[in-house]
Amino acid sequence: MPNALPIPAGTVLLYKSTRIVFVEAVDDFVLRFVVDGTTDEFLVEAAPGVHVRPTVQWVLQQFADGQLMDTSASAATLSEWRGRYLGLDRAAVLAAEPRAVWKYELARAALINRLPRNAQVLEDFARTSAAAGARSASGRSIIRWMNNLEAHDGRIGALRNRSGRERGRSQLPAIADRLVRKRPVFPALLTR
């Protein structure tokens, strides 16, 4: 049966505190899940005392409500981020993310000049210190960068992108991104 959602069979999801495994799409609207580690079918309560298989609509609604999550989408912890980026030197950061070097230089110059943490003052400073045609930054961003530098002993790695994803990659978990980008199976149903 064609899968109405682009979820590969075997995908493990977390519904509240229950791990469930996607098995198959029964038809275009009904899906089959089992409780992870068992052969028990996962059912949802459609009405008091009435349990049914989950539907595509149920999955989408639970994702939207934050009740259903892809277990492969766990974010890196702060300690993992520290280990990965804080020890990097200028050359390594420049090779991986040139924008981080620019943020570092701007925030470091603001700290050296002992500028107050005032958004307007810092925006003016960024505008005057930028070369002709170079980008500028908002004052609030510069304040955040200054705080990150101070919190991490002035290390350039503190200004690396913390999301752990490359530029242009979706910030959504892979499964949610597939759900969002998926074209409707029955466009005629959406026009009613």
N, C-alpha and C. Protein backbone atom coordinates (compact mmCIF):
# COMPACT_ATOMS: atom_id res chain seq x y z
N MET A 1 0.86 -1.18 0.00
CA MET A 1 0.00 0.00 0.00
C MET A 1 0.89 1.23 0.00
N PRO A 2 0.58 2.24 -0.82
CA PRO A 2 1.40 3.46 -0.81
C PRO A 2 1.30 4.16 0.53
N ASN A 3 2.42 4.67 0.97
CA ASN A 3 2.48 5.34 2.27
C ASN A 3 2.07 6.80 2.10
N ALA A 4 1.00 7.20 2.77
CA ALA A 4 0.50 8.58 2.68
C ALA A 4 1.47 9.56 3.32
N LEU A 5 2.29 9.09 4.24
CA LEU A 5 3.32 9.93 4.87
C LEU A 5 4.67 9.36 4.49
N PRO A 6 5.65 10.20 4.27
CA PRO A 6 6.97 9.69 3.91
C PRO A 6 7.75 9.20 5.12
N ILE A 7 7.16 8.31 5.90
CA ILE A 7 7.84 7.74 7.07
C ILE A 7 8.30 6.34 6.69
N PRO A 8 9.59 6.09 6.75
CA PRO A 8 10.07 4.74 6.42
C PRO A 8 9.63 3.72 7.47
N ALA A 9 9.31 2.51 7.02
CA ALA A 9 8.97 1.43 7.95
C ALA A 9 10.13 1.23 8.91
N GLY A 10 9.82 1.01 10.17
CA GLY A 10 10.85 0.82 11.19
C GLY A 10 11.23 2.09 11.93
N THR A 11 10.68 3.22 11.52
CA THR A 11 10.97 4.49 12.20
C THR A 11 10.41 4.44 13.62
N VAL A 12 11.27 4.77 14.59
CA VAL A 12 10.86 4.77 15.99
C VAL A 12 10.48 6.19 16.39
N LEU A 13 9.27 6.33 16.93
CA LEU A 13 8.77 7.62 17.39
C LEU A 13 8.47 7.52 18.88
N LEU A 14 8.41 8.66 19.52
CA LEU A 14 8.09 8.71 20.94
C LEU A 14 6.77 9.45 21.10
N TYR A 15 5.75 8.72 21.58
CA TYR A 15 4.46 9.35 21.85
C TYR A 15 4.31 9.44 23.36
N LYS A 16 4.36 10.67 23.85
CA LYS A 16 4.40 10.93 25.30
C LYS A 16 5.58 10.15 25.85
N SER A 17 5.37 9.07 26.59
CA SER A 17 6.52 8.31 27.12
C SER A 17 6.60 6.91 26.49
N THR A 18 5.82 6.66 25.44
CA THR A 18 5.79 5.35 24.80
C THR A 18 6.53 5.39 23.47
N ARG A 19 7.48 4.46 23.31
CA ARG A 19 8.19 4.35 22.03
C ARG A 19 7.36 3.47 21.11
N ILE A 20 7.06 3.98 19.91
CA ILE A 20 6.27 3.23 18.95
C ILE A 20 7.04 3.12 17.64
N VAL A 21 6.80 2.04 16.91
CA VAL A 21 7.51 1.77 15.66
C VAL A 21 6.50 1.75 14.52
N PHE A 22 6.80 2.53 13.47
CA PHE A 22 5.92 2.55 12.30
C PHE A 22 6.10 1.25 11.52
N VAL A 23 4.99 0.59 11.21
CA VAL A 23 5.04 -0.67 10.49
C VAL A 23 4.65 -0.47 9.02
N GLU A 24 3.45 0.11 8.80
CA GLU A 24 2.98 0.27 7.43
C GLU A 24 1.79 1.22 7.38
N ALA A 25 1.50 1.65 6.16
CA ALA A 25 0.27 2.40 5.91
C ALA A 25 -0.76 1.36 5.48
N VAL A 26 -1.83 1.23 6.24
CA VAL A 26 -2.87 0.25 5.92
C VAL A 26 -3.61 0.70 4.66
N ASP A 27 -3.91 1.97 4.58
CA ASP A 27 -4.47 2.58 3.38
C ASP A 27 -3.99 4.03 3.35
N ASP A 28 -4.64 4.88 2.59
CA ASP A 28 -4.16 6.26 2.46
C ASP A 28 -4.33 7.09 3.72
N PHE A 29 -5.10 6.61 4.69
CA PHE A 29 -5.37 7.41 5.88
C PHE A 29 -5.02 6.70 7.19
N VAL A 30 -5.04 5.39 7.21
CA VAL A 30 -4.83 4.63 8.44
C VAL A 30 -3.41 4.05 8.45
N LEU A 31 -2.77 4.16 9.61
CA LEU A 31 -1.39 3.70 9.76
C LEU A 31 -1.31 2.62 10.82
N ARG A 32 -0.30 1.79 10.72
CA ARG A 32 -0.11 0.72 11.71
C ARG A 32 1.22 0.94 12.43
N PHE A 33 1.14 1.01 13.76
CA PHE A 33 2.31 1.12 14.62
C PHE A 33 2.26 -0.01 15.63
N VAL A 34 3.43 -0.42 16.14
CA VAL A 34 3.50 -1.36 17.26
C VAL A 34 4.29 -0.68 18.37
N VAL A 35 4.06 -1.14 19.59
CA VAL A 35 4.83 -0.64 20.73
C VAL A 35 6.23 -1.24 20.61
N ASP A 36 7.25 -0.40 20.71
CA ASP A 36 8.64 -0.83 20.53
C ASP A 36 8.99 -1.97 21.47
N GLY A 37 9.62 -3.00 20.91
CA GLY A 37 10.06 -4.14 21.70
C GLY A 37 8.99 -5.18 21.94
N THR A 38 7.79 -4.97 21.39
CA THR A 38 6.69 -5.93 21.56
C THR A 38 6.03 -6.15 20.20
N THR A 39 5.04 -7.03 20.19
CA THR A 39 4.22 -7.21 19.00
C THR A 39 2.85 -6.57 19.21
N ASP A 40 2.68 -5.86 20.33
CA ASP A 40 1.40 -5.20 20.64
C ASP A 40 1.18 -4.04 19.69
N GLU A 41 0.00 -4.02 19.08
CA GLU A 41 -0.32 -2.92 18.18
C GLU A 41 -0.61 -1.67 19.00
N PHE A 42 -0.12 -0.54 18.52
CA PHE A 42 -0.36 0.73 19.18
C PHE A 42 -1.68 1.30 18.66
N LEU A 43 -2.59 1.58 19.58
CA LEU A 43 -3.89 2.14 19.24
C LEU A 43 -4.09 3.46 19.96
N VAL A 44 -4.92 4.31 19.38
CA VAL A 44 -5.24 5.59 20.01
C VAL A 44 -6.72 5.61 20.37
N GLU A 45 -7.04 6.42 21.36
CA GLU A 45 -8.42 6.50 21.82
C GLU A 45 -9.17 7.54 20.98
N ALA A 46 -10.12 7.04 20.16
CA ALA A 46 -10.91 7.92 19.30
C ALA A 46 -12.07 8.53 20.08
N ALA A 47 -12.58 7.78 21.02
CA ALA A 47 -13.66 8.22 21.90
C ALA A 47 -13.49 7.42 23.19
N PRO A 48 -14.11 7.84 24.27
CA PRO A 48 -13.96 7.08 25.51
C PRO A 48 -14.27 5.59 25.31
N GLY A 49 -13.25 4.76 25.54
CA GLY A 49 -13.41 3.32 25.42
C GLY A 49 -13.28 2.79 24.00
N VAL A 50 -13.09 3.64 23.01
CA VAL A 50 -12.97 3.21 21.62
C VAL A 50 -11.53 3.45 21.16
N HIS A 51 -10.82 2.35 20.86
CA HIS A 51 -9.43 2.44 20.43
C HIS A 51 -9.32 2.03 18.97
N VAL A 52 -8.60 2.83 18.18
CA VAL A 52 -8.44 2.58 16.76
C VAL A 52 -6.97 2.78 16.37
N ARG A 53 -6.65 2.35 15.15
CA ARG A 53 -5.31 2.60 14.63
C ARG A 53 -5.15 4.09 14.38
N PRO A 54 -3.95 4.60 14.53
CA PRO A 54 -3.70 6.02 14.26
C PRO A 54 -3.94 6.34 12.78
N THR A 55 -4.33 7.57 12.52
CA THR A 55 -4.52 8.03 11.14
C THR A 55 -3.42 9.04 10.79
N VAL A 56 -3.34 9.36 9.52
CA VAL A 56 -2.38 10.37 9.07
C VAL A 56 -2.67 11.68 9.80
N GLN A 57 -3.94 12.04 9.90
CA GLN A 57 -4.33 13.29 10.58
C GLN A 57 -3.88 13.27 12.05
N TRP A 58 -4.03 12.13 12.72
CA TRP A 58 -3.62 12.01 14.12
C TRP A 58 -2.11 12.24 14.23
N VAL A 59 -1.32 11.62 13.35
CA VAL A 59 0.13 11.77 13.39
C VAL A 59 0.52 13.24 13.20
N LEU A 60 -0.07 13.87 12.20
CA LEU A 60 0.25 15.28 11.95
C LEU A 60 -0.13 16.16 13.14
N GLN A 61 -1.29 15.91 13.73
CA GLN A 61 -1.74 16.70 14.87
C GLN A 61 -0.84 16.50 16.09
N GLN A 62 -0.44 15.25 16.34
CA GLN A 62 0.42 14.97 17.49
C GLN A 62 1.81 15.59 17.30
N PHE A 63 2.33 15.57 16.08
CA PHE A 63 3.60 16.25 15.81
C PHE A 63 3.45 17.74 16.07
N ALA A 64 2.38 18.31 15.57
CA ALA A 64 2.15 19.75 15.74
C ALA A 64 2.01 20.12 17.22
N ASP A 65 1.39 19.25 18.00
CA ASP A 65 1.18 19.50 19.44
C ASP A 65 2.41 19.18 20.28
N GLY A 66 3.42 18.58 19.66
CA GLY A 66 4.64 18.23 20.40
C GLY A 66 4.51 16.95 21.21
N GLN A 67 3.46 16.19 20.98
CA GLN A 67 3.24 14.94 21.72
C GLN A 67 3.97 13.76 21.06
N LEU A 68 4.23 13.87 19.76
CA LEU A 68 4.87 12.80 19.01
C LEU A 68 6.20 13.34 18.49
N MET A 69 7.29 12.61 18.76
CA MET A 69 8.62 13.08 18.35
C MET A 69 9.41 11.97 17.71
N ASP A 70 10.27 12.35 16.79
CA ASP A 70 11.19 11.43 16.14
C ASP A 70 12.37 11.22 17.09
N THR A 71 12.64 9.98 17.48
CA THR A 71 13.71 9.73 18.44
C THR A 71 15.09 9.94 17.83
N SER A 72 15.20 9.95 16.51
CA SER A 72 16.51 10.16 15.90
C SER A 72 16.86 11.63 15.83
N ALA A 73 15.94 12.51 16.28
CA ALA A 73 16.15 13.95 16.15
C ALA A 73 16.62 14.61 17.44
N SER A 74 17.25 13.85 18.34
CA SER A 74 17.67 14.46 19.59
C SER A 74 18.79 15.46 19.35
N ALA A 75 18.71 16.60 20.01
CA ALA A 75 19.69 17.67 19.82
C ALA A 75 20.95 17.37 20.62
N ALA A 76 22.07 17.91 20.15
CA ALA A 76 23.33 17.74 20.87
C ALA A 76 23.25 18.48 22.20
N THR A 77 23.82 17.90 23.21
CA THR A 77 23.80 18.55 24.52
C THR A 77 24.84 19.66 24.56
N LEU A 78 24.71 20.51 25.53
CA LEU A 78 25.66 21.62 25.67
C LEU A 78 27.08 21.11 25.87
N SER A 79 27.24 20.03 26.63
CA SER A 79 28.60 19.51 26.85
C SER A 79 29.18 18.94 25.55
N GLU A 80 28.34 18.33 24.70
CA GLU A 80 28.83 17.86 23.41
C GLU A 80 29.25 19.04 22.55
N TRP A 81 28.45 20.11 22.58
CA TRP A 81 28.78 21.31 21.81
C TRP A 81 30.10 21.90 22.28
N ARG A 82 30.27 21.97 23.61
CA ARG A 82 31.52 22.52 24.14
C ARG A 82 32.72 21.70 23.68
N GLY A 83 32.60 20.39 23.75
CA GLY A 83 33.69 19.53 23.33
C GLY A 83 33.99 19.63 21.85
N ARG A 84 32.98 19.86 21.07
CA ARG A 84 33.13 19.90 19.62
C ARG A 84 33.71 21.22 19.14
N TYR A 85 33.31 22.35 19.73
CA TYR A 85 33.65 23.65 19.16
C TYR A 85 34.57 24.54 19.98
N LEU A 86 34.50 24.48 21.29
CA LEU A 86 35.25 25.46 22.09
C LEU A 86 36.76 25.34 21.94
N GLY A 87 37.26 24.17 21.63
CA GLY A 87 38.70 24.00 21.50
C GLY A 87 39.26 24.40 20.14
N LEU A 88 38.38 24.77 19.20
CA LEU A 88 38.85 25.10 17.85
C LEU A 88 39.65 26.40 17.83
N ASP A 89 40.64 26.45 16.95
CA ASP A 89 41.40 27.68 16.79
C ASP A 89 40.81 28.50 15.64
N ARG A 90 41.39 29.67 15.42
CA ARG A 90 40.87 30.60 14.41
C ARG A 90 40.85 29.99 13.01
N ALA A 91 41.90 29.28 12.63
CA ALA A 91 41.97 28.70 11.29
C ALA A 91 40.87 27.65 11.08
N ALA A 92 40.63 26.83 12.08
CA ALA A 92 39.60 25.81 11.97
C ALA A 92 38.21 26.42 11.87
N VAL A 93 37.97 27.46 12.66
CA VAL A 93 36.68 28.14 12.61
C VAL A 93 36.50 28.85 11.28
N LEU A 94 37.55 29.49 10.81
CA LEU A 94 37.49 30.20 9.53
C LEU A 94 37.17 29.24 8.39
N ALA A 95 37.77 28.06 8.41
CA ALA A 95 37.52 27.07 7.36
C ALA A 95 36.09 26.54 7.41
N ALA A 96 35.57 26.36 8.61
CA ALA A 96 34.24 25.78 8.76
C ALA A 96 33.12 26.81 8.67
N GLU A 97 33.34 27.98 9.25
CA GLU A 97 32.26 28.98 9.33
C GLU A 97 32.85 30.39 9.39
N PRO A 98 33.13 30.99 8.24
CA PRO A 98 33.75 32.32 8.21
C PRO A 98 32.94 33.38 8.97
N ARG A 99 31.64 33.26 9.00
CA ARG A 99 30.81 34.23 9.71
C ARG A 99 31.14 34.27 11.21
N ALA A 100 31.52 33.14 11.77
CA ALA A 100 31.86 33.09 13.20
C ALA A 100 33.09 33.93 13.49
N VAL A 101 34.03 33.97 12.55
CA VAL A 101 35.24 34.78 12.74
C VAL A 101 34.86 36.26 12.73
N TRP A 102 33.98 36.64 11.81
CA TRP A 102 33.51 38.03 11.75
C TRP A 102 32.79 38.41 13.05
N LYS A 103 31.95 37.52 13.57
CA LYS A 103 31.24 37.79 14.83
C LYS A 103 32.24 37.94 15.98
N TYR A 104 33.25 37.07 15.97
CA TYR A 104 34.27 37.10 17.02
C TYR A 104 35.02 38.42 17.01
N GLU A 105 35.45 38.85 15.82
CA GLU A 105 36.21 40.09 15.73
C GLU A 105 35.39 41.30 16.17
N LEU A 106 34.13 41.32 15.80
CA LEU A 106 33.25 42.43 16.17
C LEU A 106 32.99 42.45 17.69
N ALA A 107 32.65 41.30 18.24
CA ALA A 107 32.37 41.23 19.68
C ALA A 107 33.64 41.49 20.50
N ARG A 108 34.75 40.95 20.06
CA ARG A 108 36.02 41.16 20.78
C ARG A 108 36.42 42.63 20.77
N ALA A 109 36.24 43.30 19.63
CA ALA A 109 36.57 44.73 19.54
C ALA A 109 35.67 45.53 20.47
N ALA A 110 34.40 45.16 20.56
CA ALA A 110 33.47 45.85 21.46
C ALA A 110 33.89 45.65 22.92
N LEU A 111 34.35 44.44 23.25
CA LEU A 111 34.80 44.17 24.62
C LEU A 111 36.10 44.92 24.93
N ILE A 112 37.02 44.93 23.99
CA ILE A 112 38.30 45.62 24.19
C ILE A 112 38.07 47.11 24.39
N ASN A 113 37.14 47.68 23.61
CA ASN A 113 36.82 49.11 23.72
C ASN A 113 35.87 49.42 24.88
N ARG A 114 35.52 48.39 25.64
CA ARG A 114 34.65 48.53 26.81
C ARG A 114 33.36 49.28 26.50
N LEU A 115 32.76 48.89 25.38
CA LEU A 115 31.50 49.53 25.00
C LEU A 115 30.37 49.02 25.89
N PRO A 116 29.41 49.90 26.19
CA PRO A 116 28.29 49.46 27.02
C PRO A 116 27.40 48.49 26.25
N ARG A 117 26.69 47.66 26.96
CA ARG A 117 25.78 46.71 26.31
C ARG A 117 24.47 47.43 25.97
N ASN A 118 24.59 48.32 25.02
CA ASN A 118 23.46 49.11 24.56
C ASN A 118 23.31 48.84 23.06
N ALA A 119 22.14 48.40 22.64
CA ALA A 119 21.93 47.99 21.26
C ALA A 119 22.28 49.09 20.26
N GLN A 120 21.85 50.30 20.52
CA GLN A 120 22.09 51.39 19.57
C GLN A 120 23.58 51.73 19.48
N VAL A 121 24.24 51.79 20.62
CA VAL A 121 25.68 52.09 20.63
C VAL A 121 26.45 51.02 19.85
N LEU A 122 26.09 49.76 20.06
CA LEU A 122 26.79 48.67 19.39
C LEU A 122 26.49 48.61 17.90
N GLU A 123 25.26 48.95 17.50
CA GLU A 123 24.94 49.01 16.07
C GLU A 123 25.76 50.10 15.39
N ASP A 124 25.85 51.25 16.04
CA ASP A 124 26.66 52.34 15.48
C ASP A 124 28.12 51.92 15.38
N PHE A 125 28.62 51.26 16.41
CA PHE A 125 30.00 50.77 16.41
C PHE A 125 30.21 49.78 15.25
N ALA A 126 29.27 48.87 15.05
CA ALA A 126 29.39 47.88 13.97
C ALA A 126 29.39 48.57 12.61
N ARG A 127 28.55 49.57 12.46
CA ARG A 127 28.46 50.30 11.19
C ARG A 127 29.77 51.04 10.88
N THR A 128 30.35 51.67 11.90
CA THR A 128 31.57 52.44 11.67
C THR A 128 32.80 51.55 11.53
N SER A 129 32.79 50.39 12.16
CA SER A 129 33.97 49.52 12.09
C SER A 129 33.93 48.61 10.87
N ALA A 130 32.78 48.48 10.21
CA ALA A 130 32.69 47.62 9.03
C ALA A 130 33.31 48.31 7.83
N ALA A 131 33.98 47.54 7.03
CA ALA A 131 34.56 48.08 5.78
C ALA A 131 33.41 48.46 4.85
N ALA A 132 33.70 49.31 3.90
CA ALA A 132 32.67 49.75 2.95
C ALA A 132 32.04 48.53 2.28
N GLY A 133 30.73 48.46 2.33
CA GLY A 133 30.01 47.36 1.70
C GLY A 133 29.93 46.10 2.55
N ALA A 134 30.61 46.07 3.69
CA ALA A 134 30.56 44.88 4.54
C ALA A 134 29.24 44.85 5.30
N ARG A 135 28.89 43.68 5.77
CA ARG A 135 27.65 43.54 6.52
C ARG A 135 27.74 44.19 7.88
N SER A 136 26.61 44.47 8.45
CA SER A 136 26.54 45.02 9.79
C SER A 136 25.79 44.03 10.67
N ALA A 137 25.59 44.36 11.92
CA ALA A 137 24.90 43.44 12.84
C ALA A 137 23.98 44.25 13.74
N SER A 138 22.98 43.57 14.25
CA SER A 138 22.08 44.24 15.19
C SER A 138 22.78 44.34 16.55
N GLY A 139 22.41 45.33 17.29
CA GLY A 139 23.00 45.53 18.61
C GLY A 139 22.74 44.37 19.55
N ARG A 140 21.54 43.82 19.49
CA ARG A 140 21.20 42.68 20.36
C ARG A 140 22.07 41.47 20.05
N SER A 141 22.35 41.26 18.76
CA SER A 141 23.21 40.13 18.38
C SER A 141 24.62 40.34 18.93
N ILE A 142 25.12 41.55 18.82
CA ILE A 142 26.48 41.83 19.32
C ILE A 142 26.54 41.63 20.83
N ILE A 143 25.50 42.03 21.54
CA ILE A 143 25.45 41.81 23.00
C ILE A 143 25.51 40.32 23.30
N ARG A 144 24.75 39.52 22.55
CA ARG A 144 24.75 38.07 22.74
C ARG A 144 26.14 37.50 22.48
N TRP A 145 26.79 37.97 21.41
CA TRP A 145 28.13 37.48 21.09
C TRP A 145 29.13 37.87 22.17
N MET A 146 29.01 39.09 22.68
CA MET A 146 29.90 39.54 23.76
C MET A 146 29.71 38.64 24.99
N ASN A 147 28.47 38.36 25.33
CA ASN A 147 28.18 37.50 26.48
C ASN A 147 28.74 36.09 26.29
N ASN A 148 28.61 35.55 25.06
CA ASN A 148 29.16 34.22 24.79
C ASN A 148 30.68 34.21 24.93
N LEU A 149 31.34 35.24 24.43
CA LEU A 149 32.80 35.31 24.55
C LEU A 149 33.22 35.37 26.02
N GLU A 150 32.55 36.21 26.79
CA GLU A 150 32.90 36.32 28.22
C GLU A 150 32.62 35.02 28.97
N ALA A 151 31.54 34.36 28.64
CA ALA A 151 31.18 33.12 29.34
C ALA A 151 32.15 31.98 29.02
N HIS A 152 32.82 32.05 27.86
CA HIS A 152 33.70 30.96 27.43
C HIS A 152 35.14 31.43 27.26
N ASP A 153 35.58 32.32 28.16
CA ASP A 153 36.97 32.78 28.22
C ASP A 153 37.49 33.34 26.90
N GLY A 154 36.64 33.99 26.13
CA GLY A 154 37.07 34.66 24.90
C GLY A 154 37.45 33.73 23.77
N ARG A 155 37.02 32.47 23.85
CA ARG A 155 37.40 31.51 22.80
C ARG A 155 36.54 31.70 21.56
N ILE A 156 37.17 31.67 20.41
CA ILE A 156 36.48 31.89 19.15
C ILE A 156 35.42 30.82 18.87
N GLY A 157 35.64 29.62 19.34
CA GLY A 157 34.69 28.54 19.13
C GLY A 157 33.33 28.80 19.76
N ALA A 158 33.28 29.73 20.71
CA ALA A 158 32.01 30.05 21.37
C ALA A 158 31.02 30.68 20.41
N LEU A 159 31.51 31.20 19.28
CA LEU A 159 30.62 31.86 18.33
C LEU A 159 30.30 31.00 17.11
N ARG A 160 30.67 29.70 17.18
CA ARG A 160 30.29 28.78 16.11
C ARG A 160 28.79 28.52 16.17
N ASN A 161 28.23 28.14 15.06
CA ASN A 161 26.82 27.79 14.98
C ASN A 161 26.57 26.59 15.89
N ARG A 162 25.64 26.73 16.82
CA ARG A 162 25.38 25.67 17.79
C ARG A 162 24.35 24.65 17.31
N SER A 163 23.72 24.91 16.18
CA SER A 163 22.66 24.00 15.75
C SER A 163 23.21 22.66 15.27
N GLY A 164 24.48 22.64 14.86
CA GLY A 164 25.07 21.40 14.40
C GLY A 164 24.66 21.02 12.99
N ARG A 165 24.05 21.93 12.27
CA ARG A 165 23.64 21.62 10.90
C ARG A 165 24.30 22.59 9.93
N GLU A 166 24.44 22.13 8.70
CA GLU A 166 25.07 22.98 7.70
C GLU A 166 24.10 24.05 7.22
N ARG A 167 24.66 25.10 6.65
CA ARG A 167 23.85 26.19 6.12
C ARG A 167 22.91 25.64 5.05
N GLY A 168 21.65 26.05 5.12
CA GLY A 168 20.66 25.61 4.15
C GLY A 168 19.92 24.34 4.53
N ARG A 169 20.38 23.64 5.56
CA ARG A 169 19.69 22.43 6.01
C ARG A 169 18.54 22.81 6.92
N SER A 170 17.49 22.04 6.89
CA SER A 170 16.30 22.32 7.68
C SER A 170 16.61 22.18 9.17
N GLN A 171 15.99 23.04 9.97
CA GLN A 171 16.16 22.92 11.41
C GLN A 171 15.17 21.92 12.00
N LEU A 172 14.24 21.44 11.18
CA LEU A 172 13.28 20.46 11.65
C LEU A 172 13.91 19.08 11.69
N PRO A 173 13.43 18.20 12.58
CA PRO A 173 13.88 16.82 12.54
C PRO A 173 13.57 16.24 11.15
N ALA A 174 14.35 15.27 10.72
CA ALA A 174 14.22 14.73 9.36
C ALA A 174 12.79 14.31 9.05
N ILE A 175 12.16 13.62 9.98
CA ILE A 175 10.81 13.13 9.71
C ILE A 175 9.81 14.27 9.59
N ALA A 176 9.93 15.28 10.44
CA ALA A 176 9.02 16.43 10.37
C ALA A 176 9.26 17.22 9.08
N ASP A 177 10.51 17.32 8.65
CA ASP A 177 10.82 18.01 7.41
C ASP A 177 10.18 17.29 6.23
N ARG A 178 10.25 15.95 6.24
CA ARG A 178 9.61 15.19 5.16
C ARG A 178 8.10 15.40 5.18
N LEU A 179 7.52 15.47 6.36
CA LEU A 179 6.07 15.68 6.46
C LEU A 179 5.68 17.06 5.91
N VAL A 180 6.47 18.06 6.23
CA VAL A 180 6.17 19.42 5.79
C VAL A 180 6.35 19.57 4.29
N ARG A 181 7.38 18.95 3.75
CA ARG A 181 7.69 19.10 2.33
C ARG A 181 6.88 18.18 1.43
N LYS A 182 6.22 17.19 2.01
CA LYS A 182 5.45 16.21 1.24
C LYS A 182 4.27 16.88 0.56
N ARG A 183 4.10 16.61 -0.75
CA ARG A 183 2.93 17.12 -1.45
C ARG A 183 1.72 16.31 -1.02
N PRO A 184 0.54 16.93 -0.96
CA PRO A 184 -0.65 16.20 -0.54
C PRO A 184 -0.93 15.01 -1.46
N VAL A 185 -1.37 13.92 -0.87
CA VAL A 185 -1.69 12.72 -1.63
C VAL A 185 -2.92 12.97 -2.48
N PHE A 186 -3.90 13.63 -1.92
CA PHE A 186 -5.15 13.91 -2.62
C PHE A 186 -5.40 15.42 -2.59
N PRO A 187 -4.84 16.17 -3.54
CA PRO A 187 -5.03 17.62 -3.54
C PRO A 187 -6.50 18.03 -3.60
N ALA A 188 -7.35 17.21 -4.24
CA ALA A 188 -8.77 17.54 -4.35
C ALA A 188 -9.42 17.61 -2.98
N LEU A 189 -8.94 16.84 -2.02
CA LEU A 189 -9.51 16.86 -0.67
C LEU A 189 -9.23 18.17 0.04
N LEU A 190 -8.14 18.84 -0.33
CA LEU A 190 -7.77 20.08 0.33
C LEU A 190 -8.57 21.27 -0.16
N THR A 191 -9.27 21.12 -1.30
CA THR A 191 -10.01 22.24 -1.86
C THR A 191 -11.47 22.25 -1.44
N ARG A 192 -11.88 21.29 -0.66
CA ARG A 192 -13.28 21.23 -0.21
C ARG A 192 -13.59 22.28 0.79
